[in-house]
C-alpha atoms as a PDB file:
ATOM      1  CA  MET A   1      15.857  85.247 -86.886  1.00  0.00           C
ATOM      2  CA  SER A   2      16.716  87.450 -89.868  1.00  0.00           C
ATOM      3  CA  PHE A   3      19.419  90.123 -89.907  1.00  0.00           C
ATOM      4  CA  GLU A   4      16.752  92.832 -90.391  1.00  0.00           C
ATOM      5  CA  ALA A   5      14.990  91.822 -87.183  1.00  0.00           C
ATOM      6  CA  LYS A   6      18.215  91.946 -85.238  1.00  0.00           C
ATOM      7  CA  LYS A   7      19.096  95.321 -86.766  1.00  0.00           C
ATOM      8  CA  SER A   8      15.754  96.801 -85.760  1.00  0.00           C
ATOM      9  CA  MET A   9      16.145  95.674 -82.180  1.00  0.00           C
ATOM     10  CA  ALA A  10      19.745  96.897 -81.962  1.00  0.00           C
ATOM     11  CA  THR A  11      18.983 100.400 -83.172  1.00  0.00           C
ATOM     12  CA  ALA A  12      16.720 101.354 -80.277  1.00  0.00           C
ATOM     13  CA  PRO A  13      18.698 103.938 -78.304  1.00  0.00           C
ATOM     14  CA  ALA A  14      19.059 103.662 -74.537  1.00  0.00           C
ATOM     15  CA  THR A  15      18.836 107.466 -74.316  1.00  0.00           C
ATOM     16  CA  PRO A  16      17.374 109.988 -76.751  1.00  0.00           C
ATOM     17  CA  LEU A  17      20.807 110.953 -78.082  1.00  0.00           C
ATOM     18  CA  ASN A  18      19.543 112.315 -81.369  1.00  0.00           C
ATOM     19  CA  ALA A  19      16.999 114.524 -79.634  1.00  0.00           C
ATOM     20  CA  ILE A  20      19.607 115.755 -77.174  1.00  0.00           C
ATOM     21  CA  ALA A  21      22.173 116.408 -79.917  1.00  0.00           C
ATOM     22  CA  ASP A  22      19.566 118.301 -81.947  1.00  0.00           C
ATOM     23  CA  GLU A  23      18.621 120.424 -78.953  1.00  0.00           C
ATOM     24  CA  LEU A  24      22.289 121.103 -78.115  1.00  0.00           C
ATOM     25  CA  ALA A  25      23.068 122.133 -81.696  1.00  0.00           C
ATOM     26  CA  LYS A  26      19.988 124.318 -82.060  1.00  0.00           C
ATOM     27  CA  GLY A  27      20.278 126.036 -78.713  1.00  0.00           C
ATOM     28  CA  LEU A  28      24.016 126.617 -78.662  1.00  0.00           C
ATOM     29  CA  SER A  29      24.170 127.724 -82.315  1.00  0.00           C
ATOM     30  CA  SER A  30      21.686 130.468 -81.421  1.00  0.00           C
ATOM     31  CA  LEU A  31      24.448 132.020 -79.302  1.00  0.00           C
ATOM     32  CA  ALA A  32      26.345 134.008 -81.953  1.00  0.00           C
ATOM     33  CA  PHE A  33      29.708 133.628 -80.161  1.00  0.00           C
ATOM     34  CA  VAL A  34      29.659 129.796 -80.050  1.00  0.00           C
ATOM     35  CA  GLU A  35      31.962 128.455 -82.771  1.00  0.00           C
ATOM     36  CA  SER A  36      31.284 124.730 -82.462  1.00  0.00           C
ATOM     37  CA  VAL A  37      29.659 121.965 -80.488  1.00  0.00           C
ATOM     38  CA  HIS A  38      31.014 118.404 -80.363  1.00  0.00           C
ATOM     39  CA  VAL A  39      29.627 115.340 -78.573  1.00  0.00           C
ATOM     40  CA  LEU A  40      30.910 111.939 -77.563  1.00  0.00           C
ATOM     41  CA  GLN A  41      28.728 109.311 -75.924  1.00  0.00           C
ATOM     42  CA  THR A  42      30.413 106.767 -73.713  1.00  0.00           C
ATOM     43  CA  ASP A  43      28.990 104.083 -71.440  1.00  0.00           C
ATOM     44  CA  LYS A  44      29.159 106.516 -68.550  1.00  0.00           C
ATOM     45  CA  ALA A  45      28.289 109.981 -69.884  1.00  0.00           C
ATOM     46  CA  LEU A  46      27.538 112.245 -72.779  1.00  0.00           C
ATOM     47  CA  SER A  47      30.531 114.539 -73.162  1.00  0.00           C
ATOM     48  CA  VAL A  48      29.866 117.915 -74.787  1.00  0.00           C
ATOM     49  CA  TRP A  49      32.566 120.353 -75.900  1.00  0.00           C
ATOM     50  CA  VAL A  50      31.566 123.927 -76.705  1.00  0.00           C
ATOM     51  CA  GLY A  51      34.141 125.915 -78.696  1.00  0.00           C
ATOM     52  CA  LEU A  52      34.383 129.621 -77.849  1.00  0.00           C
ATOM     53  CA  PRO A  53      36.857 132.198 -79.099  1.00  0.00           C
ATOM     54  CA  GLU A  54      39.822 132.641 -76.749  1.00  0.00           C
ATOM     55  CA  GLY A  55      39.150 135.468 -74.328  1.00  0.00           C
ATOM     56  CA  SER A  56      35.373 135.150 -74.343  1.00  0.00           C
ATOM     57  CA  SER A  57      33.836 137.184 -71.536  1.00  0.00           C
ATOM     58  CA  GLU A  58      32.437 135.662 -68.368  1.00  0.00           C
ATOM     59  CA  THR A  59      29.005 136.897 -69.494  1.00  0.00           C
ATOM     60  CA  LYS A  60      29.211 134.785 -72.643  1.00  0.00           C
ATOM     61  CA  ARG A  61      30.482 131.773 -70.709  1.00  0.00           C
ATOM     62  CA  SER A  62      27.627 132.207 -68.232  1.00  0.00           C
ATOM     63  CA  LYS A  63      25.115 132.034 -71.106  1.00  0.00           C
ATOM     64  CA  VAL A  64      26.610 128.690 -72.132  1.00  0.00           C
ATOM     65  CA  TYR A  65      26.508 127.452 -68.502  1.00  0.00           C
ATOM     66  CA  ALA A  66      22.840 128.438 -68.210  1.00  0.00           C
ATOM     67  CA  PHE A  67      22.000 126.542 -71.404  1.00  0.00           C
ATOM     68  CA  GLU A  68      23.915 123.498 -70.166  1.00  0.00           C
ATOM     69  CA  ASP A  69      22.014 123.600 -66.860  1.00  0.00           C
ATOM     70  CA  GLY A  70      18.729 123.650 -68.747  1.00  0.00           C
ATOM     71  CA  ILE A  71      19.612 120.646 -70.858  1.00  0.00           C
ATOM     72  CA  ALA A  72      20.745 118.695 -67.790  1.00  0.00           C
ATOM     73  CA  GLU A  73      17.417 119.475 -66.094  1.00  0.00           C
ATOM     74  CA  ARG A  74      15.387 118.343 -69.161  1.00  0.00           C
ATOM     75  CA  TYR A  75      17.280 115.045 -69.350  1.00  0.00           C
ATOM     76  CA  PRO A  76      17.894 114.029 -65.716  1.00  0.00           C
ATOM     77  CA  SER A  77      18.608 110.411 -66.635  1.00  0.00           C
ATOM     78  CA  VAL A  78      21.615 111.427 -68.732  1.00  0.00           C
ATOM     79  CA  LEU A  79      24.962 112.159 -67.111  1.00  0.00           C
ATOM     80  CA  PHE A  80      26.465 115.106 -68.959  1.00  0.00           C
ATOM     81  CA  ASP A  81      30.143 116.082 -68.955  1.00  0.00           C
ATOM     82  CA  PHE A  82      30.339 119.659 -70.330  1.00  0.00           C
ATOM     83  CA  HIS A  83      33.527 121.403 -71.412  1.00  0.00           C
ATOM     84  CA  ILE A  84      34.243 124.847 -72.795  1.00  0.00           C
ATOM     85  CA  VAL A  85      37.199 124.944 -75.144  1.00  0.00           C
ATOM     86  CA  SER A  86      38.872 128.315 -75.749  1.00  0.00           C
ATOM     87  CA  ILE A  87      39.946 128.496 -79.385  1.00  0.00           C
ATOM     88  CA  PRO A  88      42.884 130.844 -80.126  1.00  0.00           C
ATOM     89  CA  PRO A  89      42.736 132.887 -83.314  1.00  0.00           C
ATOM     90  CA  GLY A  90      43.892 130.889 -86.345  1.00  0.00           C
ATOM     91  CA  ARG A  91      43.372 127.513 -84.628  1.00  0.00           C
ATOM     92  CA  LYS A  92      40.620 124.935 -85.107  1.00  0.00           C
ATOM     93  CA  VAL A  93      38.708 123.148 -82.391  1.00  0.00           C
ATOM     94  CA  GLN A  94      39.702 119.792 -83.961  1.00  0.00           C
ATOM     95  CA  GLU A  95      43.243 120.430 -82.709  1.00  0.00           C
ATOM     96  CA  TYR A  96      41.855 120.020 -79.176  1.00  0.00           C
ATOM     97  CA  ILE A  97      39.016 117.509 -79.697  1.00  0.00           C
ATOM     98  CA  SER A  98      39.890 114.547 -81.894  1.00  0.00           C
ATOM     99  CA  THR A  99      37.357 111.848 -81.063  1.00  0.00           C
ATOM    100  CA  ALA A 100      34.096 113.737 -80.637  1.00  0.00           C
ATOM    101  CA  GLU A 101      31.454 114.172 -83.346  1.00  0.00           C
ATOM    102  CA  PRO A 102      30.749 117.717 -84.504  1.00  0.00           C
ATOM    103  CA  ILE A 103      27.039 118.572 -84.271  1.00  0.00           C
ATOM    104  CA  PHE A 104      27.484 122.281 -85.018  1.00  0.00           C
ATOM    105  CA  GLN A 105      30.286 124.299 -86.584  1.00  0.00           C
ATOM    106  CA  ARG A 106      29.962 127.949 -87.465  1.00  0.00           C
ATOM    107  CA  ASN A 107      31.514 128.969 -90.758  1.00  0.00           C
ATOM    108  CA  LEU A 108      34.138 131.508 -89.830  1.00  0.00           C
ATOM    109  CA  ALA A 109      35.912 133.586 -92.450  1.00  0.00           C
END
């Protein structure tokens, strides 16, 4: 069996991670107060960190929770582990999340 044949077989995802990541990035970036979204897939779950400015209102947080609930309903076979990270002024989300992959980062001045 050639390497190419093995590669093709090995690249088939068990879950639609790219589709989920795209949907997470698109949906959460539409919320103007979301600063970043990071993901990390493990054997057990898809962890998602949403960076919000420190002191974000409960109303803003509720909008994030509602979006998370919708994603979890659309992908019932995926176990999600959602986190909101409060980012203090002058700090970067990477100081709190070192191993996850950024799928959205707002350019902040």
